[in-house]
């Protein structure tokens, strides 16, 4: 084969190769509409039964009443005393408008104190939503609550659940582990029993409920992790 023919054939082969690569690059792209849409991420659901609740100071005790009420449940009515000895009744407060019911552990808990202060700072904005009332409930005795109320100038009701009946009805009641009780004693210099005014170390999950005037629960924030609290902006969006 002559040199001229060899060069000519090599040139044809090169042109064919380039043409093939060019065609592969110009394939019809996939249009976005042809890509199957991803399923929306399911909201995170708290699976309390799968958690080691002792990490949050919650003892494995058959007397615990946990799990929280759900959206759509009827809110149990109750009457409790504030630190001044005045009775506050849920159904009577609902006659005025909806209620934000907040369970907090005690004033020695910085997360609880900070959360209540947030409510105080946003109270005027909260009240604009149909005369919404904030009510806080705690196992802490009236004597200790009084100090906290005066120091922080709280004007919404802060009630003492002396018999733990309300905490049980709203499924936020638990016995404390020995280790956590000891840590609280070292931190405060007092036992949980002393600060609660009873004979057993019990606390509540710091849950938050929005209750409509029809006594139905419209919003729930419930998390055994005491560092997690209902976001005020989220609450306002649900009023």
Protein backbone atom coordinates (compact mmCIF):
# COMPACT_ATOMS: atom_id res chain seq x y z
CA UNK A 1 0.00 0.00 0.00
CA UNK A 2 1.34 3.41 -1.01
CA UNK A 3 2.12 6.05 1.57
CA UNK A 4 -0.55 8.32 0.04
CA UNK A 5 -3.28 5.69 0.52
CA UNK A 6 -2.19 4.99 4.08
CA UNK A 7 -2.40 8.67 5.04
CA UNK A 8 -5.83 8.96 3.39
CA UNK A 9 -7.25 5.95 5.25
CA UNK A 10 -5.86 7.22 8.57
CA UNK A 11 -7.57 10.55 7.94
CA UNK A 12 -10.95 8.85 7.28
CA UNK A 13 -10.65 6.81 10.50
CA UNK A 14 -9.89 9.95 12.54
CA UNK A 15 -12.92 11.75 11.06
CA UNK A 16 -15.18 8.78 11.92
CA UNK A 17 -13.93 8.71 15.54
CA UNK A 18 -14.48 12.43 16.03
CA UNK A 19 -17.96 12.17 14.50
CA UNK A 20 -18.94 9.38 16.92
CA UNK A 21 -17.74 11.34 19.95
CA UNK A 22 -19.56 14.41 18.76
CA UNK A 23 -22.82 12.48 18.41
CA UNK A 24 -22.48 11.02 21.90
CA UNK A 25 -22.11 14.50 23.37
CA UNK A 26 -25.22 15.82 21.63
CA UNK A 27 -27.62 13.22 22.93
CA UNK A 28 -30.98 14.65 23.97
CA UNK A 29 -30.69 15.66 27.64
CA UNK A 30 -33.22 14.42 30.18
CA UNK A 31 -35.77 17.15 30.87
CA UNK A 32 -36.41 17.94 34.56
CA UNK A 33 -40.05 17.05 34.17
CA UNK A 34 -39.06 13.54 33.18
CA UNK A 35 -37.17 12.97 36.44
CA UNK A 36 -39.47 11.33 38.99
CA UNK A 37 -40.12 13.66 41.93
CA UNK A 38 -38.68 12.60 45.28
CA UNK A 39 -41.10 11.73 48.02
CA UNK A 40 -41.26 14.46 50.70
CA UNK A 41 -39.34 13.67 53.84
CA UNK A 42 -41.67 12.35 56.50
CA UNK A 43 -41.77 14.47 59.68
CA UNK A 44 -39.66 13.17 62.52
CA UNK A 45 -41.80 11.27 64.99
CA UNK A 46 -40.51 10.81 68.50
CA UNK A 47 -40.29 7.10 69.24
CA UNK A 48 -40.10 7.35 73.01
CA UNK A 49 -40.25 3.58 73.54
CA UNK A 50 -36.96 3.17 71.66
CA UNK A 51 -35.09 5.79 73.70
CA UNK A 52 -32.98 5.27 76.80
CA UNK A 53 -34.90 7.71 78.95
CA UNK A 54 -32.48 7.38 81.87
CA UNK A 55 -30.10 9.68 79.98
CA UNK A 56 -32.63 12.44 80.71
CA UNK A 57 -33.00 11.51 84.39
CA UNK A 58 -36.19 9.50 83.83
CA UNK A 59 -36.21 6.34 85.93
CA UNK A 60 -37.60 3.03 84.70
CA UNK A 61 -40.58 3.15 87.01
CA UNK A 62 -43.97 1.53 86.39
CA UNK A 63 -45.66 4.55 87.99
CA UNK A 64 -44.44 6.90 85.25
CA UNK A 65 -47.17 8.32 83.02
CA UNK A 66 -45.48 9.38 79.78
CA UNK A 67 -46.08 9.76 76.07
CA UNK A 68 -47.91 13.08 76.05
CA UNK A 69 -51.37 13.83 74.69
CA UNK A 70 -51.86 14.18 70.94
CA UNK A 71 -53.27 16.80 68.61
CA UNK A 72 -57.04 16.34 68.51
CA UNK A 73 -57.27 14.91 72.05
CA UNK A 74 -59.63 16.56 74.50
CA UNK A 75 -57.69 18.49 77.13
CA UNK A 76 -58.43 17.36 80.70
CA UNK A 77 -59.86 20.16 82.80
CA UNK A 78 -58.14 21.07 86.07
CA UNK A 79 -58.02 23.55 88.93
CA UNK A 80 -54.70 24.37 90.64
CA UNK A 81 -53.41 26.99 93.04
CA UNK A 82 -50.90 29.67 92.16
CA UNK A 83 -48.30 30.79 94.73
CA UNK A 84 -50.73 33.36 96.16
CA UNK A 85 -53.30 30.68 96.91
CA UNK A 86 -55.65 31.67 94.09
CA UNK A 87 -57.37 28.87 92.17
CA UNK A 88 -56.93 28.89 88.40
CA UNK A 89 -59.34 26.73 86.39
CA UNK A 90 -58.54 25.72 82.80
CA UNK A 91 -62.11 25.75 81.46
CA UNK A 92 -62.72 29.21 82.92
CA UNK A 93 -59.56 30.52 81.26
CA UNK A 94 -60.73 28.98 77.97
CA UNK A 95 -63.91 31.05 78.22
CA UNK A 96 -61.67 34.06 77.50
CA UNK A 97 -59.73 32.48 74.62
CA UNK A 98 -57.31 29.67 73.82
CA UNK A 99 -54.62 28.58 76.28
CA UNK A 100 -50.93 27.75 75.93
CA UNK A 101 -50.27 25.19 78.66
CA UNK A 102 -46.60 24.85 79.59
CA UNK A 103 -45.19 22.16 81.87
CA UNK A 104 -41.85 23.10 83.41
CA UNK A 105 -39.68 21.21 85.88
CA UNK A 106 -38.47 23.84 88.34
CA UNK A 107 -36.73 27.19 88.64
CA UNK A 108 -33.37 25.45 89.20
CA UNK A 109 -33.56 24.22 85.61
CA UNK A 110 -31.98 26.95 83.41
CA UNK A 111 -33.78 25.66 80.31
CA UNK A 112 -37.13 26.04 82.10
CA UNK A 113 -36.37 29.53 83.38
CA UNK A 114 -35.18 30.70 79.97
CA UNK A 115 -38.26 29.28 78.28
CA UNK A 116 -40.64 31.03 80.70
CA UNK A 117 -38.77 34.30 80.20
CA UNK A 118 -39.32 33.91 76.44
CA UNK A 119 -43.05 33.65 77.08
CA UNK A 120 -42.93 36.76 79.23
CA UNK A 121 -41.13 38.71 76.52
CA UNK A 122 -43.60 37.58 73.85
CA UNK A 123 -46.72 37.79 76.03
CA UNK A 124 -48.17 40.90 74.39
CA UNK A 125 -47.75 39.34 70.96
CA UNK A 126 -49.28 36.06 72.20
CA UNK A 127 -52.28 37.84 73.70
CA UNK A 128 -53.06 39.43 70.35
CA UNK A 129 -54.07 36.01 69.02
CA UNK A 130 -57.62 35.81 70.35
CA UNK A 131 -56.79 36.70 73.94
CA UNK A 132 -54.52 33.68 74.31
CA UNK A 133 -53.55 32.94 77.92
CA UNK A 134 -50.30 31.30 79.03
CA UNK A 135 -50.51 28.92 82.00
CA UNK A 136 -47.45 27.18 83.45
CA UNK A 137 -47.64 24.06 85.63
CA UNK A 138 -44.87 22.57 87.77
CA UNK A 139 -44.39 20.06 90.58
CA UNK A 140 -42.35 22.72 92.40
CA UNK A 141 -43.91 24.00 95.62
CA UNK A 142 -45.52 27.43 95.90
CA UNK A 143 -42.77 28.75 98.19
CA UNK A 144 -40.03 28.21 95.58
CA UNK A 145 -42.29 29.32 92.74
CA UNK A 146 -42.98 32.60 94.54
CA UNK A 147 -39.28 33.48 94.54
CA UNK A 148 -39.02 32.83 90.81
CA UNK A 149 -42.18 34.80 89.98
CA UNK A 150 -41.05 37.85 91.96
CA UNK A 151 -37.51 37.74 90.59
CA UNK A 152 -38.64 37.49 86.95
CA UNK A 153 -41.89 39.48 87.31
CA UNK A 154 -44.02 36.86 85.62
CA UNK A 155 -47.63 37.97 85.26
CA UNK A 156 -49.14 34.79 83.77
CA UNK A 157 -50.35 32.02 86.13
CA UNK A 158 -47.67 29.63 87.40
CA UNK A 159 -49.38 26.75 89.20
CA UNK A 160 -48.30 24.05 91.64
CA UNK A 161 -49.43 20.52 90.79
CA UNK A 162 -49.13 19.27 94.36
CA UNK A 163 -50.77 15.89 93.79
CA UNK A 164 -49.26 15.43 90.31
CA UNK A 165 -52.75 14.75 88.97
CA UNK A 166 -52.48 17.22 86.09
CA UNK A 167 -49.04 15.97 85.05
CA UNK A 168 -50.44 12.45 84.94
CA UNK A 169 -53.53 13.47 82.96
CA UNK A 170 -51.32 15.13 80.36
CA UNK A 171 -48.89 12.18 80.41
CA UNK A 172 -45.75 14.08 81.40
CA UNK A 173 -45.15 12.59 84.88
CA UNK A 174 -42.08 10.57 85.84
CA UNK A 175 -39.88 9.45 88.73
CA UNK A 176 -36.29 10.65 88.68
CA UNK A 177 -33.26 8.34 88.59
CA UNK A 178 -31.13 8.20 91.73
CA UNK A 179 -28.15 9.56 89.80
CA UNK A 180 -30.07 12.57 88.50
CA UNK A 181 -31.61 13.27 91.91
CA UNK A 182 -28.11 13.34 93.40
CA UNK A 183 -26.90 15.70 90.69
CA UNK A 184 -29.76 18.11 91.40
CA UNK A 185 -28.98 17.99 95.12
CA UNK A 186 -25.33 18.84 94.49
CA UNK A 187 -26.32 21.66 92.15
CA UNK A 188 -29.02 23.25 94.32
CA UNK A 189 -28.09 22.13 97.83
CA UNK A 190 -31.61 20.76 98.24
CA UNK A 191 -33.42 17.58 97.27
CA UNK A 192 -36.12 17.48 94.62
CA UNK A 193 -38.52 16.22 97.28
CA UNK A 194 -37.80 19.25 99.46
CA UNK A 195 -38.32 21.71 96.60
CA UNK A 196 -41.49 19.95 95.46
CA UNK A 197 -42.89 19.60 98.96
CA UNK A 198 -43.48 15.84 98.83
CA UNK A 199 -41.81 12.54 99.67
CA UNK A 200 -40.62 11.34 96.26
CA UNK A 201 -38.36 12.80 93.57
CA UNK A 202 -40.64 13.37 90.58
CA UNK A 203 -40.60 15.80 87.67
CA UNK A 204 -42.44 16.43 84.45
CA UNK A 205 -41.45 16.35 80.80
CA UNK A 206 -41.37 20.06 79.79
CA UNK A 207 -44.20 19.76 77.26
CA UNK A 208 -46.25 22.53 75.68
CA UNK A 209 -49.86 22.33 74.48
CA UNK A 210 -52.10 24.80 72.63
CA UNK A 211 -55.69 24.22 73.74
CA UNK A 212 -58.65 25.64 71.81
CA UNK A 213 -61.83 26.96 73.38
CA UNK A 214 -63.52 23.71 72.41
CA UNK A 215 -61.07 21.93 74.79
CA UNK A 216 -59.32 20.27 71.83
CA UNK A 217 -55.53 20.18 71.70
CA UNK A 218 -54.33 21.94 68.54
CA UNK A 219 -50.56 21.78 69.02
CA UNK A 220 -48.15 19.61 71.00
CA UNK A 221 -44.47 19.85 71.75
CA UNK A 222 -43.37 16.86 73.81
CA UNK A 223 -39.78 15.68 74.15
CA UNK A 224 -38.18 13.80 77.08
CA UNK A 225 -34.96 15.66 76.29
CA UNK A 226 -35.31 18.61 78.65
CA UNK A 227 -33.00 20.77 76.51
CA UNK A 228 -35.58 20.80 73.70
CA UNK A 229 -38.42 23.31 74.05
CA UNK A 230 -41.30 24.58 71.96
CA UNK A 231 -40.14 27.38 69.69
CA UNK A 232 -42.08 30.58 70.37
CA UNK A 233 -42.25 31.50 66.68
CA UNK A 234 -43.67 28.07 65.91
CA UNK A 235 -46.24 28.51 68.67
CA UNK A 236 -47.31 31.88 67.28
CA UNK A 237 -47.70 30.32 63.84
CA UNK A 238 -50.08 27.74 65.32
CA UNK A 239 -52.28 30.16 67.25
